[in-house]
């Protein structure tokens, strides 16, 4: 089973910001290669700026490497 983890802290929960409202966040986890959002589903591509929900890491979603658990 592949999961995506933060390269700094190992957290598996991330969020992206709404480009029209930077205070609106979309929280998600990556389970078995698919994104699972808490509330609302949005498109996340390899170039989408992604933030760790636990620490200060942020970067492009495409830079996150899947790990086998």
N, C-alpha and C. Protein backbone atom coordinates (compact mmCIF):
# COMPACT_ATOMS: atom_id res chain seq x y z
N UNK A 1 0.84 -1.17 0.00
CA UNK A 1 0.00 0.00 0.00
C UNK A 1 0.89 1.24 0.00
N UNK A 2 0.69 2.12 -0.95
CA UNK A 2 1.48 3.33 -1.03
C UNK A 2 0.78 4.47 -0.30
N UNK A 3 1.54 5.20 0.49
CA UNK A 3 1.03 6.40 1.12
C UNK A 3 2.03 7.51 0.89
N UNK A 4 1.60 8.72 1.03
CA UNK A 4 2.47 9.88 0.85
C UNK A 4 2.70 10.50 2.22
N UNK A 5 3.96 10.75 2.54
CA UNK A 5 4.31 11.34 3.83
C UNK A 5 5.10 12.62 3.63
N UNK A 6 4.99 13.52 4.60
CA UNK A 6 5.78 14.74 4.62
C UNK A 6 7.26 14.35 4.71
N UNK A 7 8.13 14.93 3.89
CA UNK A 7 9.54 14.58 3.94
C UNK A 7 10.23 15.04 5.23
N UNK A 8 9.63 15.98 5.96
CA UNK A 8 10.25 16.48 7.20
C UNK A 8 9.77 15.75 8.45
N UNK A 9 8.44 15.56 8.59
CA UNK A 9 7.93 15.02 9.85
C UNK A 9 7.20 13.68 9.71
N UNK A 10 6.92 13.23 8.48
CA UNK A 10 6.26 11.95 8.29
C UNK A 10 4.75 12.00 8.37
N UNK A 11 4.17 13.17 8.56
CA UNK A 11 2.71 13.31 8.62
C UNK A 11 2.11 12.93 7.27
N UNK A 12 0.93 12.34 7.28
CA UNK A 12 0.27 11.93 6.05
C UNK A 12 -0.93 12.81 5.71
N UNK A 13 -1.06 13.92 6.42
CA UNK A 13 -2.18 14.83 6.19
C UNK A 13 -1.62 16.14 5.62
N UNK A 14 -2.25 16.63 4.56
CA UNK A 14 -1.80 17.83 3.87
C UNK A 14 -2.99 18.74 3.59
N UNK A 15 -2.68 19.96 3.12
CA UNK A 15 -3.75 20.84 2.68
C UNK A 15 -3.28 21.71 1.54
N UNK A 16 -4.22 22.18 0.76
CA UNK A 16 -3.96 23.15 -0.30
C UNK A 16 -4.87 24.34 -0.03
N UNK A 17 -4.44 25.50 -0.53
CA UNK A 17 -5.22 26.72 -0.35
C UNK A 17 -6.06 27.00 -1.58
N UNK A 18 -7.21 27.61 -1.37
CA UNK A 18 -8.06 28.07 -2.46
C UNK A 18 -7.37 29.27 -3.11
N UNK A 19 -7.12 29.24 -4.43
CA UNK A 19 -6.43 30.36 -5.06
C UNK A 19 -7.20 31.68 -5.00
N UNK A 20 -8.52 31.61 -4.84
CA UNK A 20 -9.33 32.82 -4.77
C UNK A 20 -9.50 33.34 -3.34
N UNK A 21 -9.29 32.48 -2.36
CA UNK A 21 -9.44 32.85 -0.95
C UNK A 21 -8.36 32.13 -0.15
N UNK A 22 -7.22 32.76 0.12
CA UNK A 22 -6.10 32.07 0.78
C UNK A 22 -6.41 31.60 2.20
N UNK A 23 -7.55 31.99 2.76
CA UNK A 23 -7.92 31.55 4.11
C UNK A 23 -8.79 30.29 4.08
N UNK A 24 -9.20 29.87 2.87
CA UNK A 24 -9.99 28.65 2.72
C UNK A 24 -9.04 27.50 2.36
N UNK A 25 -9.06 26.46 3.18
CA UNK A 25 -8.14 25.34 3.03
C UNK A 25 -8.89 24.06 2.70
N UNK A 26 -8.23 23.18 1.96
CA UNK A 26 -8.78 21.86 1.63
C UNK A 26 -7.81 20.81 2.17
N UNK A 27 -8.23 20.09 3.20
CA UNK A 27 -7.38 19.12 3.88
C UNK A 27 -7.60 17.74 3.26
N UNK A 28 -6.49 17.00 3.06
CA UNK A 28 -6.60 15.67 2.46
C UNK A 28 -5.48 14.76 2.93
N UNK A 29 -5.68 13.46 2.70
CA UNK A 29 -4.68 12.42 2.89
C UNK A 29 -4.57 11.66 1.58
N UNK A 30 -3.46 11.00 1.36
CA UNK A 30 -3.30 10.17 0.17
C UNK A 30 -3.31 8.72 0.62
N UNK A 31 -4.40 8.01 0.28
CA UNK A 31 -4.56 6.61 0.66
C UNK A 31 -4.54 5.75 -0.58
N UNK A 32 -3.62 4.82 -0.63
CA UNK A 32 -3.49 3.89 -1.76
C UNK A 32 -3.43 4.61 -3.10
N UNK A 33 -2.71 5.72 -3.14
CA UNK A 33 -2.51 6.44 -4.39
C UNK A 33 -3.62 7.38 -4.80
N UNK A 34 -4.66 7.53 -3.97
CA UNK A 34 -5.73 8.48 -4.31
C UNK A 34 -5.90 9.48 -3.18
N UNK A 35 -6.32 10.69 -3.55
CA UNK A 35 -6.51 11.75 -2.57
C UNK A 35 -7.87 11.60 -1.92
N UNK A 36 -7.90 11.67 -0.58
CA UNK A 36 -9.14 11.60 0.18
C UNK A 36 -9.28 12.90 0.95
N UNK A 37 -10.25 13.72 0.54
CA UNK A 37 -10.46 15.03 1.17
C UNK A 37 -11.41 14.91 2.34
N UNK A 38 -11.22 15.76 3.36
CA UNK A 38 -12.10 15.77 4.52
C UNK A 38 -13.48 16.31 4.17
N UNK A 39 -13.54 17.38 3.42
CA UNK A 39 -14.82 18.03 3.13
C UNK A 39 -15.08 18.07 1.64
N UNK A 40 -14.44 19.01 0.98
CA UNK A 40 -14.69 19.31 -0.42
C UNK A 40 -13.52 18.82 -1.27
N UNK A 41 -13.82 18.27 -2.43
CA UNK A 41 -12.79 17.76 -3.33
C UNK A 41 -12.37 18.85 -4.31
N UNK A 42 -11.06 19.00 -4.49
CA UNK A 42 -10.52 19.95 -5.46
C UNK A 42 -9.45 19.23 -6.29
N UNK A 43 -9.12 19.80 -7.43
CA UNK A 43 -8.08 19.23 -8.28
C UNK A 43 -6.71 19.56 -7.71
N UNK A 44 -5.89 18.53 -7.54
CA UNK A 44 -4.51 18.70 -7.07
C UNK A 44 -3.61 18.05 -8.11
N UNK A 45 -2.76 18.86 -8.73
CA UNK A 45 -1.82 18.35 -9.72
C UNK A 45 -0.41 18.37 -9.18
N UNK A 46 0.53 17.90 -9.98
CA UNK A 46 1.93 17.85 -9.55
C UNK A 46 2.49 19.22 -9.21
N UNK A 47 1.97 20.29 -9.82
CA UNK A 47 2.47 21.64 -9.57
C UNK A 47 1.72 22.39 -8.49
N UNK A 48 0.72 21.76 -7.86
CA UNK A 48 -0.08 22.41 -6.82
C UNK A 48 0.75 22.61 -5.56
N UNK A 49 0.78 23.85 -5.06
CA UNK A 49 1.48 24.15 -3.81
C UNK A 49 0.74 23.44 -2.67
N UNK A 50 1.46 22.57 -1.97
CA UNK A 50 0.88 21.72 -0.93
C UNK A 50 1.57 21.98 0.39
N UNK A 51 0.82 21.94 1.48
CA UNK A 51 1.34 22.23 2.81
C UNK A 51 1.12 21.05 3.74
N UNK A 52 2.10 20.76 4.60
CA UNK A 52 1.94 19.73 5.61
C UNK A 52 1.00 20.26 6.69
N UNK A 53 0.14 19.40 7.21
CA UNK A 53 -0.82 19.81 8.24
C UNK A 53 -0.19 19.85 9.63
N UNK A 54 1.03 19.33 9.78
CA UNK A 54 1.66 19.27 11.10
C UNK A 54 2.86 20.22 11.25
N UNK A 55 3.69 20.32 10.23
CA UNK A 55 4.91 21.13 10.37
C UNK A 55 4.94 22.25 9.32
N UNK A 56 6.06 22.87 9.15
CA UNK A 56 6.18 24.03 8.26
C UNK A 56 6.51 23.66 6.82
N UNK A 57 6.61 22.36 6.48
CA UNK A 57 6.97 21.98 5.12
C UNK A 57 5.89 22.39 4.14
N UNK A 58 6.33 22.89 2.98
CA UNK A 58 5.43 23.10 1.85
C UNK A 58 6.24 23.00 0.57
N UNK A 59 5.57 22.59 -0.48
CA UNK A 59 6.22 22.43 -1.77
C UNK A 59 5.21 21.92 -2.78
N UNK A 60 5.68 21.58 -3.95
CA UNK A 60 4.81 21.07 -5.00
C UNK A 60 4.39 19.64 -4.67
N UNK A 61 3.13 19.32 -4.93
CA UNK A 61 2.62 17.98 -4.63
C UNK A 61 3.44 16.91 -5.34
N UNK A 62 3.90 17.18 -6.54
CA UNK A 62 4.67 16.22 -7.30
C UNK A 62 6.01 15.86 -6.70
N UNK A 63 6.50 16.64 -5.73
CA UNK A 63 7.78 16.33 -5.09
C UNK A 63 7.64 15.33 -3.95
N UNK A 64 6.41 15.07 -3.53
CA UNK A 64 6.19 14.09 -2.47
C UNK A 64 6.34 12.69 -3.04
N UNK A 65 7.15 11.87 -2.40
CA UNK A 65 7.38 10.51 -2.88
C UNK A 65 6.53 9.53 -2.10
N UNK A 66 5.85 8.62 -2.80
CA UNK A 66 5.09 7.57 -2.10
C UNK A 66 6.01 6.63 -1.35
N UNK A 67 5.53 6.12 -0.24
CA UNK A 67 6.27 5.13 0.54
C UNK A 67 5.43 3.88 0.64
N UNK A 68 6.07 2.74 0.72
CA UNK A 68 5.36 1.47 0.89
C UNK A 68 5.25 1.17 2.37
N UNK A 69 4.05 0.91 2.82
CA UNK A 69 3.82 0.59 4.24
C UNK A 69 3.26 -0.80 4.35
